[in-house]
PDB file of N, CA and C in Angstrom:
ATOM      1  N   MET A   1       6.809   4.499  14.701  1.00  0.00           N
ATOM      2  CA  MET A   1       4.869   3.607  14.982  1.00  0.00           C
ATOM      3  C   MET A   1       4.870   3.330  15.750  1.00  0.00           C
ATOM      4  N   LYS A   2       5.835   2.670  16.765  1.00  0.00           N
ATOM      5  CA  LYS A   2       5.124   2.759  18.405  1.00  0.00           C
ATOM      6  C   LYS A   2       4.998   3.491  19.002  1.00  0.00           C
ATOM      7  N   LEU A   3       5.600   5.055  19.070  1.00  0.00           N
ATOM      8  CA  LEU A   3       5.321   6.514  19.535  1.00  0.00           C
ATOM      9  C   LEU A   3       3.863   6.633  19.305  1.00  0.00           C
ATOM     10  N   ASP A   4       3.645   6.339  17.751  1.00  0.00           N
ATOM     11  CA  ASP A   4       2.060   6.750  17.121  1.00  0.00           C
ATOM     12  C   ASP A   4       1.597   5.784  16.035  1.00  0.00           C
ATOM     13  N   PRO A   5       0.917   4.559  16.749  1.00  0.00           N
ATOM     14  CA  PRO A   5       0.291   4.124  15.273  1.00  0.00           C
ATOM     15  C   PRO A   5      -0.483   4.284  14.344  1.00  0.00           C
ATOM     16  N   ASN A   6      -1.112   5.793  14.349  1.00  0.00           N
ATOM     17  CA  ASN A   6      -1.762   6.172  13.680  1.00  0.00           C
ATOM     18  C   ASN A   6      -1.177   7.355  12.554  1.00  0.00           C
ATOM     19  N   HIS A   7      -0.510   7.175  13.375  1.00  0.00           N
ATOM     20  CA  HIS A   7       1.415   8.224  12.113  1.00  0.00           C
ATOM     21  C   HIS A   7       0.857   7.803  10.524  1.00  0.00           C
ATOM     22  N   PHE A   8       0.049   7.632   9.638  1.00  0.00           N
ATOM     23  CA  PHE A   8      -0.036   7.664   8.290  1.00  0.00           C
ATOM     24  C   PHE A   8       1.312   7.186   7.455  1.00  0.00           C
ATOM     25  N   LYS A   9       2.237   8.643   7.259  1.00  0.00           N
ATOM     26  CA  LYS A   9       3.423   8.995   6.608  1.00  0.00           C
ATOM     27  C   LYS A   9       4.076   7.464   7.129  1.00  0.00           C
ATOM     28  N   ALA A  10       4.344   6.727   8.419  1.00  0.00           N
ATOM     29  CA  ALA A  10       5.243   6.516   8.721  1.00  0.00           C
ATOM     30  C   ALA A  10       5.054   4.932   8.064  1.00  0.00           C
ATOM     31  N   TYR A  11       3.676   4.814   7.968  1.00  0.00           N
ATOM     32  CA  TYR A  11       3.374   3.388   7.631  1.00  0.00           C
ATOM     33  C   TYR A  11       3.418   3.671   6.013  1.00  0.00           C
ATOM     34  N   TYR A  12       3.135   4.621   5.295  1.00  0.00           N
ATOM     35  CA  TYR A  12       3.416   5.101   4.037  1.00  0.00           C
ATOM     36  C   TYR A  12       5.001   5.505   3.441  1.00  0.00           C
ATOM     37  N   ASN A  13       5.433   5.416   4.239  1.00  0.00           N
ATOM     38  CA  ASN A  13       6.762   5.891   3.880  1.00  0.00           C
ATOM     39  C   ASN A  13       7.329   4.604   3.699  1.00  0.00           C
ATOM     40  N   ARG A  14       7.171   3.652   4.993  1.00  0.00           N
ATOM     41  CA  ARG A  14       7.874   2.595   4.972  1.00  0.00           C
ATOM     42  C   ARG A  14       7.682   1.501   3.882  1.00  0.00           C
ATOM     43  N   ALA A  15       5.817   1.441   3.354  1.00  0.00           N
ATOM     44  CA  ALA A  15       5.647   0.448   2.690  1.00  0.00           C
ATOM     45  C   ALA A  15       6.288   0.754   1.027  1.00  0.00           C
ATOM     46  N   PHE A  16       6.437   2.150   0.776  1.00  0.00           N
ATOM     47  CA  PHE A  16       7.404   2.117  -0.221  1.00  0.00           C
ATOM     48  C   PHE A  16       8.724   1.938  -0.134  1.00  0.00           C
ATOM     49  N   CYS A  17       9.323   1.876   0.920  1.00  0.00           N
ATOM     50  CA  CYS A  17      10.407   1.455   0.601  1.00  0.00           C
ATOM     51  C   CYS A  17      10.142  -0.076   0.407  1.00  0.00           C
ATOM     52  N   TYR A  18       9.483  -0.784   1.561  1.00  0.00           N
ATOM     53  CA  TYR A  18       9.357  -2.002   0.912  1.00  0.00           C
ATOM     54  C   TYR A  18       8.899  -2.629  -0.555  1.00  0.00           C
ATOM     55  N   ASP A  19       8.341  -1.897  -0.799  1.00  0.00           N
ATOM     56  CA  ASP A  19       7.973  -1.935  -2.136  1.00  0.00           C
ATOM     57  C   ASP A  19       9.390  -1.639  -2.830  1.00  0.00           C
ATOM     58  N   LYS A  20      10.276  -0.994  -3.187  1.00  0.00           N
ATOM     59  CA  LYS A  20      11.820  -0.790  -3.364  1.00  0.00           C
ATOM     60  C   LYS A  20      12.272  -2.113  -3.719  1.00  0.00           C
ATOM     61  N   LEU A  21      11.773  -2.180  -2.258  1.00  0.00           N
ATOM     62  CA  LEU A  21      12.629  -4.139  -1.326  1.00  0.00           C
ATOM     63  C   LEU A  21      12.743  -5.192  -2.141  1.00  0.00           C
ATOM     64  N   CYS A  22      11.884  -5.269  -2.794  1.00  0.00           N
ATOM     65  CA  CYS A  22      11.005  -6.258  -3.261  1.00  0.00           C
ATOM     66  C   CYS A  22       9.686  -7.342  -2.468  1.00  0.00           C
ATOM     67  N   ASP A  23      10.049  -6.522  -1.104  1.00  0.00           N
ATOM     68  CA  ASP A  23       9.325  -7.143  -0.329  1.00  0.00           C
ATOM     69  C   ASP A  23       7.860  -6.787  -0.418  1.00  0.00           C
ATOM     70  N   TYR A  24       7.263  -7.169  -1.180  1.00  0.00           N
ATOM     71  CA  TYR A  24       5.963  -7.105  -1.042  1.00  0.00           C
ATOM     72  C   TYR A  24       4.294  -7.590  -0.973  1.00  0.00           C
ATOM     73  N   GLN A  25       5.100  -8.036   0.589  1.00  0.00           N
ATOM     74  CA  GLN A  25       3.890  -8.554   0.518  1.00  0.00           C
ATOM     75  C   GLN A  25       4.018  -7.741   2.670  1.00  0.00           C
ATOM     76  N   SER A  26       5.240  -7.365   2.734  1.00  0.00           N
ATOM     77  CA  SER A  26       5.432  -6.551   3.786  1.00  0.00           C
ATOM     78  C   SER A  26       4.569  -4.194   3.334  1.00  0.00           C
ATOM     79  N   ALA A  27       4.915  -4.231   1.973  1.00  0.00           N
ATOM     80  CA  ALA A  27       4.715  -3.055   1.535  1.00  0.00           C
ATOM     81  C   ALA A  27       3.575  -3.424   1.443  1.00  0.00           C
ATOM     82  N   GLU A  28       2.651  -4.518   1.397  1.00  0.00           N
ATOM     83  CA  GLU A  28       1.179  -4.533   0.883  1.00  0.00           C
ATOM     84  C   GLU A  28       0.398  -4.638   2.076  1.00  0.00           C
ATOM     85  N   ASN A  29       1.025  -4.949   3.627  1.00  0.00           N
ATOM     86  CA  ASN A  29      -0.083  -4.635   4.691  1.00  0.00           C
ATOM     87  C   ASN A  29       0.844  -3.024   5.173  1.00  0.00           C
ATOM     88  N   ASP A  30       1.240  -2.278   5.240  1.00  0.00           N
ATOM     89  CA  ASP A  30       1.506  -1.311   5.194  1.00  0.00           C
ATOM     90  C   ASP A  30       1.109  -0.066   4.581  1.00  0.00           C
ATOM     91  N   TYR A  31       1.319  -0.540   3.477  1.00  0.00           N
ATOM     92  CA  TYR A  31      -0.335  -0.013   2.829  1.00  0.00           C
ATOM     93  C   TYR A  31      -1.672   0.204   2.793  1.00  0.00           C
ATOM     94  N   LEU A  32      -2.090  -1.255   3.344  1.00  0.00           N
ATOM     95  CA  LEU A  32      -3.546  -1.263   3.329  1.00  0.00           C
ATOM     96  C   LEU A  32      -3.268  -0.520   5.400  1.00  0.00           C
ATOM     97  N   THR A  33      -2.311  -0.586   5.938  1.00  0.00           N
ATOM     98  CA  THR A  33      -2.141  -0.482   6.780  1.00  0.00           C
ATOM     99  C   THR A  33      -2.999   1.651   6.945  1.00  0.00           C
ATOM    100  N   ALA A  34      -2.027   2.007   5.662  1.00  0.00           N
ATOM    101  CA  ALA A  34      -1.937   3.652   5.692  1.00  0.00           C
ATOM    102  C   ALA A  34      -3.224   3.943   4.911  1.00  0.00           C
ATOM    103  N   LEU A  35      -4.419   3.010   4.228  1.00  0.00           N
ATOM    104  CA  LEU A  35      -5.344   3.071   4.177  1.00  0.00           C
ATOM    105  C   LEU A  35      -6.873   2.703   5.172  1.00  0.00           C
ATOM    106  N   LYS A  36      -5.920   2.551   5.979  1.00  0.00           N
ATOM    107  CA  LYS A  36      -7.322   2.509   7.187  1.00  0.00           C
ATOM    108  C   LYS A  36      -7.232   3.681   7.994  1.00  0.00           C
ATOM    109  N   LEU A  37      -5.620   4.260   8.364  1.00  0.00           N
ATOM    110  CA  LEU A  37      -5.769   5.669   8.515  1.00  0.00           C
ATOM    111  C   LEU A  37      -6.489   6.220   7.870  1.00  0.00           C
ATOM    112  N   GLN A  38      -5.989   7.235   6.317  1.00  0.00           N
ATOM    113  CA  GLN A  38      -6.394   7.340   5.205  1.00  0.00           C
ATOM    114  C   GLN A  38      -7.497   7.152   4.453  1.00  0.00           C
ATOM    115  N   PRO A  39      -8.460   6.821   4.132  1.00  0.00           N
ATOM    116  CA  PRO A  39      -8.965   5.376   3.787  1.00  0.00           C
ATOM    117  C   PRO A  39      -9.156   6.166   2.179  1.00  0.00           C
ATOM    118  N   ASN A  40      -9.216   7.351   1.808  1.00  0.00           N
ATOM    119  CA  ASN A  40      -9.524   8.135   0.387  1.00  0.00           C
ATOM    120  C   ASN A  40      -7.822   8.533  -0.190  1.00  0.00           C
ATOM    121  N   ASN A  41      -6.870   8.504   0.256  1.00  0.00           N
ATOM    122  CA  ASN A  41      -5.375   7.927  -0.098  1.00  0.00           C
ATOM    123  C   ASN A  41      -4.794   8.408  -1.355  1.00  0.00           C
ATOM    124  N   VAL A  42      -4.851   9.427  -2.492  1.00  0.00           N
ATOM    125  CA  VAL A  42      -4.845   8.885  -4.201  1.00  0.00           C
ATOM    126  C   VAL A  42      -3.694   8.102  -4.469  1.00  0.00           C
ATOM    127  N   ASN A  43      -2.604   8.657  -3.134  1.00  0.00           N
ATOM    128  CA  ASN A  43      -1.115   8.160  -3.750  1.00  0.00           C
ATOM    129  C   ASN A  43      -1.238   6.731  -2.983  1.00  0.00           C
ATOM    130  N   THR A  44      -2.176   6.745  -1.652  1.00  0.00           N
ATOM    131  CA  THR A  44      -1.893   5.313  -1.373  1.00  0.00           C
ATOM    132  C   THR A  44      -2.533   4.253  -2.343  1.00  0.00           C
ATOM    133  N   LEU A  45      -3.858   4.712  -2.543  1.00  0.00           N
ATOM    134  CA  LEU A  45      -4.329   3.668  -3.832  1.00  0.00           C
ATOM    135  C   LEU A  45      -3.786   3.651  -4.962  1.00  0.00           C
ATOM    136  N   HIS A  46      -3.207   4.250  -5.046  1.00  0.00           N
ATOM    137  CA  HIS A  46      -2.177   4.423  -6.722  1.00  0.00           C
ATOM    138  C   HIS A  46      -0.989   3.136  -6.039  1.00  0.00           C
ATOM    139  N   HIS A  47      -0.519   3.625  -5.236  1.00  0.00           N
ATOM    140  CA  HIS A  47       0.615   2.335  -5.055  1.00  0.00           C
ATOM    141  C   HIS A  47       0.302   0.920  -4.743  1.00  0.00           C
ATOM    142  N   LEU A  48      -0.655   1.196  -4.208  1.00  0.00           N
ATOM    143  CA  LEU A  48      -1.178   0.033  -4.249  1.00  0.00           C
ATOM    144  C   LEU A  48      -1.989  -1.310  -4.964  1.00  0.00           C
ATOM    145  N   GLY A  49      -2.177  -0.799  -5.850  1.00  0.00           N
ATOM    146  CA  GLY A  49      -2.985  -0.617  -6.924  1.00  0.00           C
ATOM    147  C   GLY A  49      -1.812  -1.684  -7.968  1.00  0.00           C
ATOM    148  N   THR A  50      -0.527  -0.268  -7.949  1.00  0.00           N
ATOM    149  CA  THR A  50       0.763  -0.816  -9.554  1.00  0.00           C
ATOM    150  C   THR A  50       1.313  -2.019  -8.569  1.00  0.00           C
ATOM    151  N   LEU A  51       1.319  -1.757  -6.650  1.00  0.00           N
ATOM    152  CA  LEU A  51       2.096  -2.887  -6.481  1.00  0.00           C
ATOM    153  C   LEU A  51       1.246  -4.753  -6.771  1.00  0.00           C
ATOM    154  N   MET A  52      -0.107  -4.511  -6.647  1.00  0.00           N
ATOM    155  CA  MET A  52      -0.617  -5.763  -7.425  1.00  0.00           C
ATOM    156  C   MET A  52      -0.271  -6.027  -8.681  1.00  0.00           C
ATOM    157  N   GLU A  53       0.101  -4.968  -9.140  1.00  0.00           N
ATOM    158  CA  GLU A  53       0.283  -5.402 -10.937  1.00  0.00           C
ATOM    159  C   GLU A  53       1.879  -6.615 -10.684  1.00  0.00           C
ATOM    160  N   LYS A  54       2.192  -5.695  -9.786  1.00  0.00           N
ATOM    161  CA  LYS A  54       3.524  -6.108 -10.219  1.00  0.00           C
ATOM    162  C   LYS A  54       3.142  -7.687  -9.438  1.00  0.00           C
ATOM    163  N   VAL A  55       3.396  -8.048  -8.794  1.00  0.00           N
ATOM    164  CA  VAL A  55       2.813  -8.863  -7.723  1.00  0.00           C
ATOM    165  C   VAL A  55       1.962  -9.498  -9.098  1.00  0.00           C
ATOM    166  N   GLY A  56       0.775  -9.263  -9.755  1.00  0.00           N
ATOM    167  CA  GLY A  56       0.646 -10.270 -10.833  1.00  0.00           C
ATOM    168  C   GLY A  56      -0.635 -11.205  -9.754  1.00  0.00           C
ATOM    169  N   GLY A  57      -0.964 -12.882 -11.018  1.00  0.00           N
ATOM    170  CA  GLY A  57      -1.830 -13.701 -10.427  1.00  0.00           C
ATOM    171  C   GLY A  57      -2.584 -13.058  -9.799  1.00  0.00           C
ATOM    172  N   ASP A  58      -2.936 -14.060  -8.831  1.00  0.00           N
ATOM    173  CA  ASP A  58      -4.559 -13.722  -8.897  1.00  0.00           C
ATOM    174  C   ASP A  58      -5.554 -12.236  -8.180  1.00  0.00           C
ATOM    175  N   LYS A  59      -3.869 -11.174  -7.869  1.00  0.00           N
ATOM    176  CA  LYS A  59      -3.751  -9.747  -7.058  1.00  0.00           C
ATOM    177  C   LYS A  59      -3.345  -9.025  -8.009  1.00  0.00           C
ATOM    178  N   LEU A  60      -3.872  -9.563  -9.310  1.00  0.00           N
ATOM    179  CA  LEU A  60      -4.201  -9.088 -10.846  1.00  0.00           C
ATOM    180  C   LEU A  60      -4.981  -8.120 -10.193  1.00  0.00           C
ATOM    181  N   TYR A  61      -5.958  -9.093 -10.519  1.00  0.00           N
ATOM    182  CA  TYR A  61      -7.935  -8.049 -10.617  1.00  0.00           C
ATOM    183  C   TYR A  61      -7.663  -7.060  -9.252  1.00  0.00           C
ATOM    184  N   LYS A  62      -7.142  -7.073  -7.640  1.00  0.00           N
ATOM    185  CA  LYS A  62      -7.312  -5.739  -7.288  1.00  0.00           C
ATOM    186  C   LYS A  62      -7.116  -4.747  -7.172  1.00  0.00           C
ATOM    187  N   SER A  63      -5.629  -4.553  -8.254  1.00  0.00           N
ATOM    188  CA  SER A  63      -5.810  -3.657  -8.607  1.00  0.00           C
ATOM    189  C   SER A  63      -6.164  -3.110  -8.763  1.00  0.00           C
ATOM    190  N   LEU A  64      -7.579  -3.408 -10.002  1.00  0.00           N
ATOM    191  CA  LEU A  64      -8.315  -2.424 -11.186  1.00  0.00           C
ATOM    192  C   LEU A  64      -9.366  -1.842  -9.608  1.00  0.00           C
ATOM    193  N   ASP A  65      -9.187  -2.762  -8.900  1.00  0.00           N
ATOM    194  CA  ASP A  65     -10.268  -1.976  -7.194  1.00  0.00           C
ATOM    195  C   ASP A  65      -9.873  -0.698  -6.986  1.00  0.00           C
ATOM    196  N   TYR A  66      -8.097  -0.609  -6.316  1.00  0.00           N
ATOM    197  CA  TYR A  66      -7.451   0.254  -6.089  1.00  0.00           C
ATOM    198  C   TYR A  66      -6.803   1.349  -7.449  1.00  0.00           C
ATOM    199  N   PHE A  67      -6.631   1.363  -8.131  1.00  0.00           N
ATOM    200  CA  PHE A  67      -7.091   2.420  -9.442  1.00  0.00           C
ATOM    201  C   PHE A  67      -8.568   3.493  -9.066  1.00  0.00           C
ATOM    202  N   ASN A  68      -9.410   1.609  -9.209  1.00  0.00           N
ATOM    203  CA  ASN A  68     -10.763   2.908  -8.960  1.00  0.00           C
ATOM    204  C   ASN A  68     -10.792   3.346  -8.631  1.00  0.00           C
ATOM    205  N   GLN A  69     -10.570   3.150  -7.221  1.00  0.00           N
ATOM    206  CA  GLN A  69     -11.210   4.199  -6.281  1.00  0.00           C
ATOM    207  C   GLN A  69     -10.509   4.913  -6.722  1.00  0.00           C
TER     208      GLN A  69
END
C-alpha cells in the first residue's frame, strides 16, 4: 500500500483478514477505502454488509444500504 495507495486488492484482502481476526473497525476502514477505489465492486459491498451485520447495533441498518447497492 505504501508503494501503490490505489491498489484495490491490497485493501480488500487486508480488510478480509481483519474481519477474520475480529478487528471490525480496521476491516470497515479498509473495505471503505477499497470501495472508494472501486465503488461498484459487488464482493466488497457484500463483505462490508456482512461485517455491518456482525457488528450490529446502529451499523445493522448500514448493512442494508451495502446489500442494496
